N, C-alpha and C. Protein backbone atom coordinates (compact mmCIF):
# COMPACT_ATOMS: atom_id res chain seq x y z
N MET A 1 -18.92 -0.97 1.52
CA MET A 1 -18.04 -1.89 1.00
C MET A 1 -18.59 -3.38 1.15
N ASP A 2 -18.28 -4.08 0.13
CA ASP A 2 -18.71 -5.55 0.31
C ASP A 2 -17.60 -6.37 0.86
N THR A 3 -18.03 -6.86 2.00
CA THR A 3 -17.09 -7.72 2.99
C THR A 3 -17.33 -9.18 2.75
N SER A 4 -18.16 -9.61 1.73
CA SER A 4 -18.52 -11.05 1.64
C SER A 4 -17.14 -11.59 0.93
N THR A 5 -17.03 -12.86 1.07
CA THR A 5 -15.94 -13.53 0.52
C THR A 5 -16.43 -14.63 -0.38
N PRO A 6 -16.11 -14.71 -1.68
CA PRO A 6 -16.41 -16.03 -2.46
C PRO A 6 -15.55 -17.22 -1.87
N ASP A 7 -16.10 -18.34 -2.25
CA ASP A 7 -15.71 -19.60 -1.77
C ASP A 7 -14.03 -19.75 -2.00
N ASN A 8 -13.62 -19.03 -3.05
CA ASN A 8 -12.21 -19.23 -3.33
C ASN A 8 -11.13 -18.39 -2.61
N GLU A 9 -11.78 -17.51 -1.77
CA GLU A 9 -11.00 -16.58 -0.88
C GLU A 9 -10.82 -16.99 0.45
N ILE A 10 -9.94 -16.49 1.19
CA ILE A 10 -9.69 -16.72 2.54
C ILE A 10 -10.82 -15.93 3.43
N SER A 11 -11.45 -16.59 4.17
CA SER A 11 -12.58 -15.94 4.98
C SER A 11 -12.05 -15.25 6.30
N PRO A 12 -12.58 -13.99 6.63
CA PRO A 12 -12.13 -13.48 7.87
C PRO A 12 -12.58 -14.36 9.07
N ARG A 13 -11.82 -14.18 10.09
CA ARG A 13 -12.10 -14.88 11.38
C ARG A 13 -12.44 -14.01 12.52
N GLU A 14 -13.33 -14.22 13.30
CA GLU A 14 -13.77 -13.39 14.47
C GLU A 14 -12.74 -13.28 15.49
N ASN A 15 -12.10 -14.57 15.85
CA ASN A 15 -11.17 -14.64 17.00
C ASN A 15 -9.78 -14.83 16.43
N LEU A 16 -8.82 -14.16 17.02
CA LEU A 16 -7.49 -14.11 16.48
C LEU A 16 -6.57 -14.47 17.57
N ASP A 17 -5.85 -15.59 17.51
CA ASP A 17 -4.80 -15.75 18.62
C ASP A 17 -3.54 -15.53 17.99
N THR A 18 -2.45 -15.64 18.72
CA THR A 18 -1.16 -15.12 18.42
C THR A 18 -0.56 -15.80 17.20
N SER A 19 -1.26 -16.76 16.45
CA SER A 19 -0.50 -17.53 15.33
C SER A 19 -1.32 -17.32 14.23
N GLU A 20 -2.63 -16.72 14.20
CA GLU A 20 -3.45 -16.59 13.10
C GLU A 20 -3.41 -15.37 12.39
N VAL A 21 -3.61 -15.36 11.10
CA VAL A 21 -3.74 -14.13 10.32
C VAL A 21 -5.21 -14.02 9.88
N THR A 22 -5.75 -12.86 9.92
CA THR A 22 -7.11 -12.59 9.41
C THR A 22 -6.93 -11.84 8.15
N ILE A 23 -7.66 -12.26 7.16
CA ILE A 23 -7.60 -11.52 5.90
C ILE A 23 -9.09 -11.00 5.56
N GLN A 24 -9.09 -9.91 5.10
CA GLN A 24 -10.34 -9.26 4.52
C GLN A 24 -10.16 -8.71 3.15
N VAL A 25 -11.01 -9.07 2.20
CA VAL A 25 -10.93 -8.36 0.81
C VAL A 25 -12.28 -7.64 0.63
N ASP A 26 -12.02 -6.37 0.22
CA ASP A 26 -13.13 -5.47 -0.21
C ASP A 26 -13.08 -5.09 -1.62
N LYS A 27 -13.96 -5.31 -2.41
CA LYS A 27 -14.12 -4.90 -3.88
C LYS A 27 -14.39 -3.31 -3.90
N LEU A 28 -13.39 -2.55 -4.13
CA LEU A 28 -13.65 -1.10 -4.34
C LEU A 28 -14.27 -0.67 -5.61
N SER A 29 -13.94 -1.43 -6.67
CA SER A 29 -14.41 -1.16 -8.03
C SER A 29 -14.31 -2.54 -8.73
N GLU A 30 -14.68 -2.58 -10.09
CA GLU A 30 -14.50 -3.72 -10.79
C GLU A 30 -12.97 -4.31 -10.71
N ARG A 31 -12.02 -3.41 -10.90
CA ARG A 31 -10.59 -3.74 -10.90
C ARG A 31 -9.87 -3.29 -9.74
N GLN A 32 -10.45 -2.77 -8.73
CA GLN A 32 -9.64 -2.39 -7.51
C GLN A 32 -10.01 -3.11 -6.35
N ARG A 33 -9.13 -3.46 -5.44
CA ARG A 33 -9.28 -4.22 -4.24
C ARG A 33 -8.47 -3.57 -3.18
N GLN A 34 -9.28 -3.72 -1.88
CA GLN A 34 -8.55 -3.38 -0.58
C GLN A 34 -8.39 -4.69 0.02
N ILE A 35 -7.19 -5.11 0.56
CA ILE A 35 -6.95 -6.30 1.14
C ILE A 35 -6.18 -5.95 2.50
N SER A 36 -6.80 -6.43 3.59
CA SER A 36 -6.26 -6.14 4.90
C SER A 36 -5.84 -7.57 5.51
N ALA A 37 -4.74 -7.52 6.27
CA ALA A 37 -4.36 -8.63 7.02
C ALA A 37 -3.83 -8.36 8.33
N THR A 38 -4.38 -9.00 9.37
CA THR A 38 -3.98 -8.77 10.82
C THR A 38 -3.53 -9.87 11.43
N ILE A 39 -2.56 -9.64 12.37
CA ILE A 39 -1.85 -10.77 13.25
C ILE A 39 -1.52 -10.23 14.57
N GLN A 40 -1.43 -10.85 15.47
CA GLN A 40 -0.98 -10.58 16.84
C GLN A 40 0.49 -11.13 17.06
N ILE A 41 1.29 -10.19 17.43
CA ILE A 41 2.82 -10.56 17.53
C ILE A 41 3.08 -10.33 19.17
N PRO A 42 3.70 -11.38 19.78
CA PRO A 42 3.90 -11.28 21.19
C PRO A 42 5.12 -10.46 21.55
N GLN A 43 5.16 -9.23 20.92
CA GLN A 43 6.40 -8.38 21.18
C GLN A 43 5.71 -6.99 21.27
N PRO A 44 6.55 -6.07 21.94
CA PRO A 44 6.03 -4.69 22.18
C PRO A 44 6.16 -4.00 20.83
N ILE A 45 5.39 -2.87 20.68
CA ILE A 45 5.32 -2.18 19.43
C ILE A 45 6.76 -1.66 18.96
N GLU A 46 7.58 -1.22 19.83
CA GLU A 46 8.74 -0.65 19.53
C GLU A 46 9.77 -1.85 18.75
N LYS A 47 9.62 -2.94 19.15
CA LYS A 47 10.37 -4.05 18.57
C LYS A 47 9.73 -4.42 17.15
N VAL A 48 8.54 -4.43 17.03
CA VAL A 48 7.84 -4.71 15.60
C VAL A 48 8.19 -3.51 14.62
N TRP A 49 8.23 -2.41 15.27
CA TRP A 49 8.53 -1.17 14.41
C TRP A 49 9.83 -1.29 13.84
N LYS A 50 10.63 -1.68 14.76
CA LYS A 50 12.22 -1.85 14.34
C LYS A 50 12.36 -2.78 13.25
N ILE A 51 11.54 -3.87 13.14
CA ILE A 51 11.62 -4.90 12.00
C ILE A 51 11.12 -4.41 10.83
N LEU A 52 9.88 -3.58 10.95
CA LEU A 52 9.20 -3.12 9.81
C LEU A 52 9.97 -1.94 9.12
N THR A 53 10.72 -1.12 9.95
CA THR A 53 11.46 0.04 9.33
C THR A 53 12.95 -0.22 8.87
N ASP A 54 13.37 -1.41 9.13
CA ASP A 54 14.50 -1.84 8.65
C ASP A 54 14.34 -2.31 7.14
N TYR A 55 14.05 -1.35 6.36
CA TYR A 55 13.55 -1.65 4.93
C TYR A 55 14.53 -2.45 4.15
N GLU A 56 15.69 -2.34 4.16
CA GLU A 56 16.66 -3.01 3.28
C GLU A 56 16.84 -4.47 3.83
N SER A 57 16.47 -4.78 5.00
CA SER A 57 16.61 -6.21 5.49
C SER A 57 15.28 -7.02 5.37
N LEU A 58 14.20 -6.49 4.75
CA LEU A 58 12.95 -7.08 4.56
C LEU A 58 13.12 -8.40 3.80
N PRO A 59 13.82 -8.39 2.67
CA PRO A 59 14.00 -9.50 1.72
C PRO A 59 14.61 -10.66 2.45
N ASP A 60 15.35 -10.39 3.51
CA ASP A 60 16.10 -11.56 4.28
C ASP A 60 15.14 -12.57 4.91
N PHE A 61 13.90 -12.09 5.23
CA PHE A 61 12.93 -13.02 5.87
C PHE A 61 11.55 -13.00 5.30
N ILE A 62 11.29 -12.15 4.42
CA ILE A 62 9.95 -12.11 3.80
C ILE A 62 9.88 -12.85 2.47
N PRO A 63 9.13 -14.01 2.38
CA PRO A 63 9.12 -14.74 1.19
C PRO A 63 8.68 -13.97 -0.13
N ASN A 64 9.26 -14.21 -1.11
CA ASN A 64 8.89 -13.45 -2.45
C ASN A 64 9.20 -12.14 -2.56
N LEU A 65 9.89 -11.58 -1.55
CA LEU A 65 10.35 -10.13 -1.62
C LEU A 65 11.80 -10.24 -2.12
N ALA A 66 12.04 -9.92 -3.43
CA ALA A 66 13.36 -10.14 -3.94
C ALA A 66 14.34 -8.95 -3.64
N LYS A 67 13.75 -7.72 -3.47
CA LYS A 67 14.51 -6.59 -3.38
C LYS A 67 13.74 -5.59 -2.68
N SER A 68 14.52 -4.89 -1.80
CA SER A 68 14.00 -3.65 -0.87
C SER A 68 15.11 -2.77 -0.78
N ARG A 69 15.00 -1.68 -1.32
CA ARG A 69 16.29 -0.71 -1.01
C ARG A 69 15.70 0.78 -1.14
N LEU A 70 16.32 1.51 -0.21
CA LEU A 70 16.10 2.91 0.01
C LEU A 70 16.58 3.63 -1.19
N LEU A 71 15.82 4.59 -1.82
CA LEU A 71 16.28 5.46 -2.84
C LEU A 71 16.28 6.88 -2.39
N GLU A 72 17.03 7.80 -3.11
CA GLU A 72 17.09 9.14 -2.77
C GLU A 72 15.66 9.72 -3.01
N HIS A 73 15.11 10.55 -2.03
CA HIS A 73 13.85 11.24 -2.14
C HIS A 73 14.02 12.63 -2.44
N PRO A 74 13.30 13.10 -3.46
CA PRO A 74 13.62 14.52 -3.93
C PRO A 74 13.19 15.58 -2.85
N ASP A 75 12.48 15.13 -1.89
CA ASP A 75 11.94 16.09 -0.90
C ASP A 75 12.56 15.79 0.55
N GLY A 76 13.39 14.74 0.50
CA GLY A 76 14.17 14.29 1.91
C GLY A 76 13.24 13.31 2.72
N GLY A 77 12.11 12.82 2.16
CA GLY A 77 11.34 11.76 2.76
C GLY A 77 12.02 10.48 2.72
N ILE A 78 11.17 9.34 2.71
CA ILE A 78 11.48 8.02 2.75
C ILE A 78 11.00 7.53 1.30
N ARG A 79 11.95 6.96 0.39
CA ARG A 79 11.43 6.47 -0.73
C ARG A 79 12.08 5.12 -0.75
N LEU A 80 11.34 4.01 -1.15
CA LEU A 80 11.83 2.61 -1.24
C LEU A 80 11.26 1.99 -2.50
N GLU A 81 12.24 1.30 -3.02
CA GLU A 81 11.95 0.44 -4.34
C GLU A 81 11.83 -1.05 -3.89
N GLN A 82 10.79 -1.70 -4.21
CA GLN A 82 10.65 -3.11 -3.69
C GLN A 82 10.29 -3.88 -5.06
N VAL A 83 10.72 -5.04 -5.11
CA VAL A 83 10.43 -6.10 -6.22
C VAL A 83 9.99 -7.31 -5.61
N GLY A 84 8.96 -7.72 -5.89
CA GLY A 84 8.35 -9.03 -5.52
C GLY A 84 8.53 -10.06 -6.65
N ALA A 85 8.91 -11.26 -6.35
CA ALA A 85 8.99 -12.16 -7.44
C ALA A 85 8.62 -13.65 -6.88
N GLN A 86 7.88 -14.32 -7.79
CA GLN A 86 7.43 -15.60 -7.53
C GLN A 86 7.13 -16.38 -8.75
N SER A 87 6.96 -17.71 -8.54
CA SER A 87 6.53 -18.53 -9.63
C SER A 87 5.10 -19.11 -9.50
N VAL A 88 4.32 -18.87 -10.49
CA VAL A 88 2.95 -19.23 -10.51
C VAL A 88 2.63 -20.19 -11.69
N LEU A 89 2.40 -21.39 -11.49
CA LEU A 89 2.17 -22.38 -12.54
C LEU A 89 3.32 -22.32 -13.62
N ASN A 90 4.45 -22.50 -13.16
CA ASN A 90 5.84 -22.41 -13.97
C ASN A 90 6.00 -21.01 -14.73
N PHE A 91 5.28 -20.09 -14.24
CA PHE A 91 5.42 -18.84 -14.79
C PHE A 91 5.99 -17.85 -13.73
N LYS A 92 7.19 -17.28 -14.07
CA LYS A 92 7.86 -16.27 -13.17
C LYS A 92 7.19 -14.92 -13.24
N PHE A 93 6.74 -14.40 -12.15
CA PHE A 93 6.06 -13.23 -12.04
C PHE A 93 6.75 -12.30 -11.20
N CYS A 94 7.08 -11.05 -11.65
CA CYS A 94 7.73 -10.00 -10.94
C CYS A 94 6.94 -8.69 -11.02
N ALA A 95 6.86 -8.14 -9.85
CA ALA A 95 6.14 -6.74 -9.77
C ALA A 95 7.19 -5.74 -9.05
N ARG A 96 7.29 -4.57 -9.58
CA ARG A 96 8.17 -3.75 -8.98
C ARG A 96 7.29 -2.42 -8.66
N VAL A 97 7.70 -1.86 -7.38
CA VAL A 97 6.95 -0.58 -6.95
C VAL A 97 7.94 0.31 -6.46
N VAL A 98 7.80 1.50 -6.62
CA VAL A 98 8.65 2.59 -5.93
C VAL A 98 7.55 3.38 -4.94
N LEU A 99 7.92 3.27 -3.73
CA LEU A 99 6.93 4.04 -2.68
C LEU A 99 7.48 5.03 -2.06
N ASP A 100 6.66 6.11 -1.74
CA ASP A 100 6.96 7.06 -0.79
C ASP A 100 6.29 6.76 0.48
N LEU A 101 7.19 6.79 1.65
CA LEU A 101 6.61 6.26 2.90
C LEU A 101 6.51 7.41 3.91
N GLU A 102 5.62 7.46 4.82
CA GLU A 102 5.50 8.25 5.91
C GLU A 102 5.42 7.51 7.14
N GLU A 103 6.30 7.83 8.21
CA GLU A 103 6.36 7.02 9.51
C GLU A 103 5.78 7.84 10.50
N LEU A 104 4.71 7.42 11.20
CA LEU A 104 4.02 8.27 12.31
C LEU A 104 4.18 7.24 13.44
N PHE A 105 5.52 7.28 14.09
CA PHE A 105 5.80 6.44 15.23
C PHE A 105 4.88 6.74 16.36
N PRO A 106 4.30 5.71 17.08
CA PRO A 106 4.46 4.36 16.88
C PRO A 106 3.30 3.59 16.30
N LYS A 107 2.45 4.24 15.76
CA LYS A 107 1.13 3.76 15.20
C LYS A 107 1.10 3.30 13.73
N LEU A 108 1.64 4.05 12.79
CA LEU A 108 1.27 4.03 11.42
C LEU A 108 2.49 4.25 10.53
N ILE A 109 2.61 3.41 9.40
CA ILE A 109 3.42 3.54 8.33
C ILE A 109 2.67 3.69 7.06
N GLN A 110 2.51 4.75 6.53
CA GLN A 110 1.77 4.95 5.27
C GLN A 110 2.57 4.96 3.99
N PHE A 111 2.10 4.39 2.89
CA PHE A 111 2.88 4.27 1.64
C PHE A 111 1.96 4.57 0.43
N ASN A 112 2.63 5.14 -0.51
CA ASN A 112 1.89 5.35 -1.90
C ASN A 112 2.91 5.11 -2.92
N MET A 113 2.39 4.38 -3.90
CA MET A 113 3.33 4.15 -5.23
C MET A 113 3.56 5.48 -5.92
N VAL A 114 4.78 5.70 -6.21
CA VAL A 114 5.02 6.86 -7.18
C VAL A 114 5.38 6.45 -8.54
N GLU A 115 5.75 5.17 -8.76
CA GLU A 115 6.02 4.53 -9.88
C GLU A 115 5.91 2.96 -9.68
N GLY A 116 5.64 2.23 -10.84
CA GLY A 116 5.55 0.82 -10.64
C GLY A 116 4.78 0.10 -11.71
N ASP A 117 4.42 -1.20 -11.35
CA ASP A 117 3.84 -2.07 -12.26
C ASP A 117 2.26 -2.23 -11.98
N PHE A 118 1.75 -1.30 -11.36
CA PHE A 118 0.37 -1.26 -11.07
C PHE A 118 -0.20 0.14 -11.51
N LYS A 119 -1.50 0.31 -11.85
CA LYS A 119 -2.05 1.66 -11.95
C LYS A 119 -2.14 2.33 -10.55
N GLY A 120 -2.26 1.73 -9.50
CA GLY A 120 -2.40 2.08 -8.16
C GLY A 120 -2.03 1.20 -7.25
N PHE A 121 -1.26 1.64 -6.22
CA PHE A 121 -0.75 0.76 -5.11
C PHE A 121 -0.49 1.63 -3.83
N SER A 122 -1.29 1.50 -2.82
CA SER A 122 -0.98 2.32 -1.58
C SER A 122 -1.38 1.49 -0.39
N GLY A 123 -1.08 1.89 0.68
CA GLY A 123 -1.52 1.20 1.83
C GLY A 123 -0.86 1.70 3.14
N MET A 124 -1.04 0.90 4.23
CA MET A 124 -0.46 1.25 5.48
C MET A 124 -0.16 0.11 6.40
N TRP A 125 0.77 0.18 7.26
CA TRP A 125 0.98 -0.72 8.39
C TRP A 125 0.37 0.05 9.67
N CYS A 126 -0.46 -0.68 10.39
CA CYS A 126 -0.95 -0.08 11.62
C CYS A 126 -0.59 -0.93 12.82
N LEU A 127 -0.13 -0.35 13.88
CA LEU A 127 0.43 -1.03 15.06
C LEU A 127 -0.41 -0.61 16.20
N GLU A 128 -1.03 -1.53 16.95
CA GLU A 128 -1.77 -1.38 18.15
C GLU A 128 -1.27 -2.14 19.30
N PRO A 129 -1.06 -1.69 20.48
CA PRO A 129 -0.59 -2.48 21.63
C PRO A 129 -1.75 -3.35 22.22
N TYR A 130 -1.37 -4.51 22.75
CA TYR A 130 -2.29 -5.38 23.37
C TYR A 130 -1.58 -6.00 24.62
N THR A 131 -2.31 -6.35 25.63
CA THR A 131 -1.74 -6.92 26.82
C THR A 131 -2.41 -8.34 27.09
N LEU A 132 -1.61 -9.36 27.21
CA LEU A 132 -2.26 -10.73 27.42
C LEU A 132 -1.30 -11.44 28.68
N ASN A 133 -2.05 -11.64 29.61
CA ASN A 133 -1.15 -12.28 30.89
C ASN A 133 -0.02 -11.49 31.19
N GLN A 134 -0.10 -10.26 31.34
CA GLN A 134 1.04 -9.39 31.66
C GLN A 134 2.03 -9.19 30.70
N GLU A 135 1.90 -9.76 29.47
CA GLU A 135 2.91 -9.65 28.37
C GLU A 135 2.27 -8.62 27.46
N GLN A 136 3.30 -7.65 26.93
CA GLN A 136 2.96 -6.72 25.93
C GLN A 136 3.00 -7.35 24.56
N GLY A 137 2.13 -7.17 23.69
CA GLY A 137 2.18 -7.43 22.37
C GLY A 137 1.68 -6.38 21.39
N THR A 138 1.75 -6.78 20.03
CA THR A 138 1.37 -5.74 19.00
C THR A 138 0.38 -6.45 18.18
N THR A 139 -0.71 -5.77 17.91
CA THR A 139 -1.74 -6.25 16.86
C THR A 139 -1.17 -5.43 15.54
N LEU A 140 -0.89 -6.12 14.53
CA LEU A 140 -0.20 -5.54 13.42
C LEU A 140 -1.26 -5.74 12.38
N CYS A 141 -1.62 -4.70 11.56
CA CYS A 141 -2.54 -4.81 10.45
C CYS A 141 -1.79 -4.14 9.19
N TYR A 142 -1.99 -4.86 8.22
CA TYR A 142 -1.33 -4.44 6.87
C TYR A 142 -2.44 -4.26 5.79
N THR A 143 -2.68 -3.06 5.27
CA THR A 143 -3.82 -2.80 4.29
C THR A 143 -3.29 -2.28 3.07
N ILE A 144 -3.66 -2.82 1.95
CA ILE A 144 -3.27 -2.34 0.70
C ILE A 144 -4.36 -2.10 -0.16
N GLN A 145 -4.30 -1.00 -0.87
CA GLN A 145 -5.41 -0.76 -2.01
C GLN A 145 -4.62 -0.94 -3.22
N VAL A 146 -5.11 -1.88 -4.11
CA VAL A 146 -4.39 -2.25 -5.30
C VAL A 146 -5.32 -2.13 -6.43
N TRP A 147 -4.69 -1.62 -7.68
CA TRP A 147 -5.30 -1.33 -8.85
C TRP A 147 -4.36 -1.96 -9.87
N PRO A 148 -4.59 -3.20 -10.44
CA PRO A 148 -3.61 -3.69 -11.39
C PRO A 148 -3.92 -3.21 -12.69
N LYS A 149 -2.90 -3.24 -13.58
CA LYS A 149 -3.03 -2.99 -14.98
C LYS A 149 -3.79 -3.96 -15.51
N LEU A 150 -4.41 -3.68 -16.77
CA LEU A 150 -5.40 -4.56 -17.46
C LEU A 150 -4.79 -5.77 -17.97
N THR A 151 -3.51 -5.93 -18.05
CA THR A 151 -2.74 -7.35 -18.36
C THR A 151 -2.79 -8.28 -17.08
N MET A 152 -3.17 -7.84 -16.00
CA MET A 152 -3.12 -8.70 -14.72
C MET A 152 -4.59 -9.07 -14.32
N PRO A 153 -4.90 -10.45 -14.50
CA PRO A 153 -6.34 -10.96 -14.18
C PRO A 153 -6.52 -10.51 -12.71
N ILE A 154 -7.61 -9.75 -12.38
CA ILE A 154 -7.90 -9.41 -11.00
C ILE A 154 -7.98 -10.47 -10.09
N SER A 155 -8.75 -11.61 -10.47
CA SER A 155 -9.04 -12.64 -9.56
C SER A 155 -7.77 -13.48 -9.12
N ILE A 156 -7.02 -13.66 -9.92
CA ILE A 156 -5.55 -14.40 -9.73
C ILE A 156 -4.83 -13.29 -8.81
N MET A 157 -4.77 -12.07 -9.01
CA MET A 157 -3.93 -11.19 -8.22
C MET A 157 -4.66 -11.12 -6.89
N GLU A 158 -5.79 -11.06 -6.80
CA GLU A 158 -6.50 -10.99 -5.39
C GLU A 158 -6.16 -12.19 -4.65
N ARG A 159 -6.34 -13.43 -5.11
CA ARG A 159 -6.00 -14.54 -4.38
C ARG A 159 -4.41 -14.63 -4.02
N ARG A 160 -3.64 -14.30 -5.01
CA ARG A 160 -2.14 -14.38 -4.75
C ARG A 160 -1.71 -13.42 -3.65
N LEU A 161 -2.35 -11.99 -3.65
CA LEU A 161 -1.95 -11.18 -2.70
C LEU A 161 -2.47 -11.64 -1.27
N SER A 162 -3.69 -12.05 -1.29
CA SER A 162 -4.24 -12.62 0.00
C SER A 162 -3.49 -13.62 0.65
N LYS A 163 -2.92 -14.61 -0.24
CA LYS A 163 -2.04 -15.65 0.35
C LYS A 163 -0.72 -15.11 0.84
N ASP A 164 -0.19 -14.14 -0.04
CA ASP A 164 1.05 -13.52 0.25
C ASP A 164 1.12 -12.76 1.46
N LEU A 165 0.01 -12.02 1.74
CA LEU A 165 -0.01 -11.21 2.98
C LEU A 165 -0.07 -12.06 4.21
N GLN A 166 -0.79 -13.07 4.07
CA GLN A 166 -0.71 -14.15 5.26
C GLN A 166 0.71 -14.59 5.41
N THR A 167 1.22 -14.98 4.48
CA THR A 167 2.66 -15.56 4.50
C THR A 167 3.54 -14.49 5.10
N ASN A 168 3.56 -13.24 4.59
CA ASN A 168 4.40 -12.18 5.08
C ASN A 168 4.17 -11.92 6.48
N LEU A 169 2.93 -11.78 7.03
CA LEU A 169 2.74 -11.33 8.30
C LEU A 169 3.02 -12.62 9.25
N LEU A 170 3.14 -13.85 8.86
CA LEU A 170 3.61 -14.90 9.55
C LEU A 170 5.13 -14.77 9.75
N ALA A 171 5.66 -14.40 8.58
CA ALA A 171 7.20 -14.22 8.54
C ALA A 171 7.55 -13.14 9.45
N ILE A 172 6.97 -12.05 9.55
CA ILE A 172 7.24 -10.91 10.46
C ILE A 172 7.09 -11.33 11.93
N ARG A 173 6.07 -12.04 12.18
CA ARG A 173 5.84 -12.44 13.49
C ARG A 173 6.96 -13.44 13.99
N GLN A 174 7.42 -14.41 13.01
CA GLN A 174 8.31 -15.35 13.30
C GLN A 174 9.84 -14.63 13.50
N ARG A 175 9.98 -13.51 12.79
CA ARG A 175 11.22 -12.75 12.93
C ARG A 175 11.26 -12.05 14.27
N ALA A 176 10.11 -11.47 14.60
CA ALA A 176 10.00 -10.82 15.97
C ALA A 176 10.30 -11.80 17.09
N VAL A 177 9.60 -13.00 17.09
CA VAL A 177 9.96 -13.93 18.14
C VAL A 177 11.30 -14.32 18.22
N GLN A 178 11.99 -14.64 16.96
CA GLN A 178 13.31 -15.09 16.91
C GLN A 178 14.37 -14.00 17.39
N MET A 179 14.09 -12.75 16.80
CA MET A 179 14.97 -11.69 17.21
C MET A 179 15.13 -11.26 18.77
N PHE A 180 13.85 -11.37 19.27
CA PHE A 180 13.81 -10.91 20.65
C PHE A 180 13.36 -11.98 21.68
N ALA A 181 13.70 -13.16 21.37
CA ALA A 181 13.48 -14.22 22.28
C ALA A 181 14.41 -14.19 23.58
């Protein structure tokens, strides 16, 4: 995988403190990208898990997430519809996905698009514990593999998603600190 980052992308950082987000972009093919974002949250895994799996409350604190609602799953699993909305250069952009999720408490939430505005969209939330000065925390990593339709310029989508993932992880960290202070 190519882990180099052009000048217009956010470069990964080696050291991560509790307020920073590390972004890594990998080019999987000409129009497919894998984007990973990592942050440390000064709360135990169980509390971060509770925030992530309260699916219908996510738009309350995640910027640009206009809708997140549970749908009936034909096989009894977890099915979630999400709509992201934002304005870019006075142009309103919306993207909708319906995801099937698999929760593997306390380490992993995997998802795969079953319908939506991309050719492909899948990924996972990974949670790992850490200890700093006797305090328990969670290293949270969000990884997506995205394959946009031809009408979506890949470079713009890549930059936008990298920025959004950083903003979203900071919002989750802030929510965890506020909820469990």
